[in-house]
Amino acid sequence: PRYHALEGVGTVEEIRARVQAALAS
């Protein structure tokens, strides 16, 4: 899937950064 916080996506901070980038684009 898109979000795998426990599978190597990284920390919550990185997930937030990805979400923000997705919303910005």
PDB file of N, CA and C in Angstrom:
ATOM      1  N   PRO A   1       0.820  -1.227   0.000  1.00  0.00           N
ATOM      2  CA  PRO A   1       0.000   0.000   0.000  1.00  0.00           C
ATOM      3  C   PRO A   1       0.851   1.274   0.000  1.00  0.00           C
ATOM      4  N   ARG A   2       0.186   2.378   0.197  1.00  0.00           N
ATOM      5  CA  ARG A   2       0.840   3.672   0.143  1.00  0.00           C
ATOM      6  C   ARG A   2       1.598   3.958   1.427  1.00  0.00           C
ATOM      7  N   TYR A   3       0.989   3.694   2.565  1.00  0.00           N
ATOM      8  CA  TYR A   3       1.625   4.040   3.833  1.00  0.00           C
ATOM      9  C   TYR A   3       2.030   2.798   4.612  1.00  0.00           C
ATOM     10  N   HIS A   4       3.316   2.636   4.789  1.00  0.00           N
ATOM     11  CA  HIS A   4       3.820   1.515   5.576  1.00  0.00           C
ATOM     12  C   HIS A   4       4.764   2.076   6.630  1.00  0.00           C
ATOM     13  N   ALA A   5       4.204   2.701   7.628  1.00  0.00           N
ATOM     14  CA  ALA A   5       5.004   3.387   8.638  1.00  0.00           C
ATOM     15  C   ALA A   5       5.959   2.422   9.335  1.00  0.00           C
ATOM     16  N   LEU A   6       5.581   1.141   9.405  1.00  0.00           N
ATOM     17  CA  LEU A   6       6.412   0.176  10.112  1.00  0.00           C
ATOM     18  C   LEU A   6       7.264  -0.639   9.156  1.00  0.00           C
ATOM     19  N   GLU A   7       7.238  -0.286   7.875  1.00  0.00           N
ATOM     20  CA  GLU A   7       7.946  -1.119   6.898  1.00  0.00           C
ATOM     21  C   GLU A   7       9.067  -0.391   6.194  1.00  0.00           C
ATOM     22  N   GLY A   8       9.522   0.724   6.712  1.00  0.00           N
ATOM     23  CA  GLY A   8      10.660   1.372   6.085  1.00  0.00           C
ATOM     24  C   GLY A   8      10.333   2.718   5.479  1.00  0.00           C
ATOM     25  N   VAL A   9       9.112   3.198   5.684  1.00  0.00           N
ATOM     26  CA  VAL A   9       8.781   4.531   5.190  1.00  0.00           C
ATOM     27  C   VAL A   9       9.572   5.543   6.012  1.00  0.00           C
ATOM     28  N   GLY A  10       9.704   5.260   7.281  1.00  0.00           N
ATOM     29  CA  GLY A  10      10.471   6.139   8.162  1.00  0.00           C
ATOM     30  C   GLY A  10       9.629   6.572   9.345  1.00  0.00           C
ATOM     31  N   THR A  11       9.945   7.735   9.864  1.00  0.00           N
ATOM     32  CA  THR A  11       9.248   8.241  11.031  1.00  0.00           C
ATOM     33  C   THR A  11       7.977   8.961  10.632  1.00  0.00           C
ATOM     34  N   VAL A  12       7.223   9.348  11.621  1.00  0.00           N
ATOM     35  CA  VAL A  12       6.001  10.103  11.369  1.00  0.00           C
ATOM     36  C   VAL A  12       6.335  11.396  10.646  1.00  0.00           C
ATOM     37  N   GLU A  13       7.470  11.951  10.978  1.00  0.00           N
ATOM     38  CA  GLU A  13       7.904  13.201  10.337  1.00  0.00           C
ATOM     39  C   GLU A  13       8.027  13.008   8.836  1.00  0.00           C
ATOM     40  N   GLU A  14       8.594  11.877   8.428  1.00  0.00           N
ATOM     41  CA  GLU A  14       8.772  11.629   6.999  1.00  0.00           C
ATOM     42  C   GLU A  14       7.433  11.411   6.331  1.00  0.00           C
ATOM     43  N   ILE A  15       6.537  10.707   7.020  1.00  0.00           N
ATOM     44  CA  ILE A  15       5.201  10.475   6.459  1.00  0.00           C
ATOM     45  C   ILE A  15       4.500  11.812   6.256  1.00  0.00           C
ATOM     46  N   ARG A  16       4.612  12.705   7.249  1.00  0.00           N
ATOM     47  CA  ARG A  16       3.978  14.015   7.123  1.00  0.00           C
ATOM     48  C   ARG A  16       4.561  14.774   5.949  1.00  0.00           C
ATOM     49  N   ALA A  17       5.877  14.674   5.769  1.00  0.00           N
ATOM     50  CA  ALA A  17       6.533  15.367   4.668  1.00  0.00           C
ATOM     51  C   ALA A  17       6.003  14.849   3.334  1.00  0.00           C
ATOM     52  N   ARG A  18       5.812  13.525   3.258  1.00  0.00           N
ATOM     53  CA  ARG A  18       5.289  12.942   2.022  1.00  0.00           C
ATOM     54  C   ARG A  18       3.864  13.401   1.763  1.00  0.00           C
ATOM     55  N   VAL A  19       3.062  13.459   2.810  1.00  0.00           N
ATOM     56  CA  VAL A  19       1.677  13.910   2.668  1.00  0.00           C
ATOM     57  C   VAL A  19       1.645  15.362   2.221  1.00  0.00           C
ATOM     58  N   GLN A  20       2.467  16.194   2.840  1.00  0.00           N
ATOM     59  CA  GLN A  20       2.510  17.607   2.478  1.00  0.00           C
ATOM     60  C   GLN A  20       2.942  17.773   1.030  1.00  0.00           C
ATOM     61  N   ALA A  21       3.915  16.977   0.603  1.00  0.00           N
ATOM     62  CA  ALA A  21       4.398  17.061  -0.769  1.00  0.00           C
ATOM     63  C   ALA A  21       3.298  16.642  -1.739  1.00  0.00           C
ATOM     64  N   ALA A  22       2.542  15.627  -1.350  1.00  0.00           N
ATOM     65  CA  ALA A  22       1.462  15.151  -2.208  1.00  0.00           C
ATOM     66  C   ALA A  22       0.371  16.205  -2.328  1.00  0.00           C
ATOM     67  N   LEU A  23       0.068  16.863  -1.222  1.00  0.00           N
ATOM     68  CA  LEU A  23      -0.965  17.890  -1.246  1.00  0.00           C
ATOM     69  C   LEU A  23      -0.500  19.113  -2.016  1.00  0.00           C
ATOM     70  N   ALA A  24       0.804  19.379  -1.967  1.00  0.00           N
ATOM     71  CA  ALA A  24       1.350  20.558  -2.630  1.00  0.00           C
ATOM     72  C   ALA A  24       1.377  20.374  -4.143  1.00  0.00           C
ATOM     73  N   SER A  25       1.494  19.127  -4.582  1.00  0.00           N
ATOM     74  CA  SER A  25       1.585  18.852  -6.013  1.00  0.00           C
ATOM     75  C   SER A  25       0.241  18.581  -6.625  1.00  0.00           C
TER      76      SER A  25
END
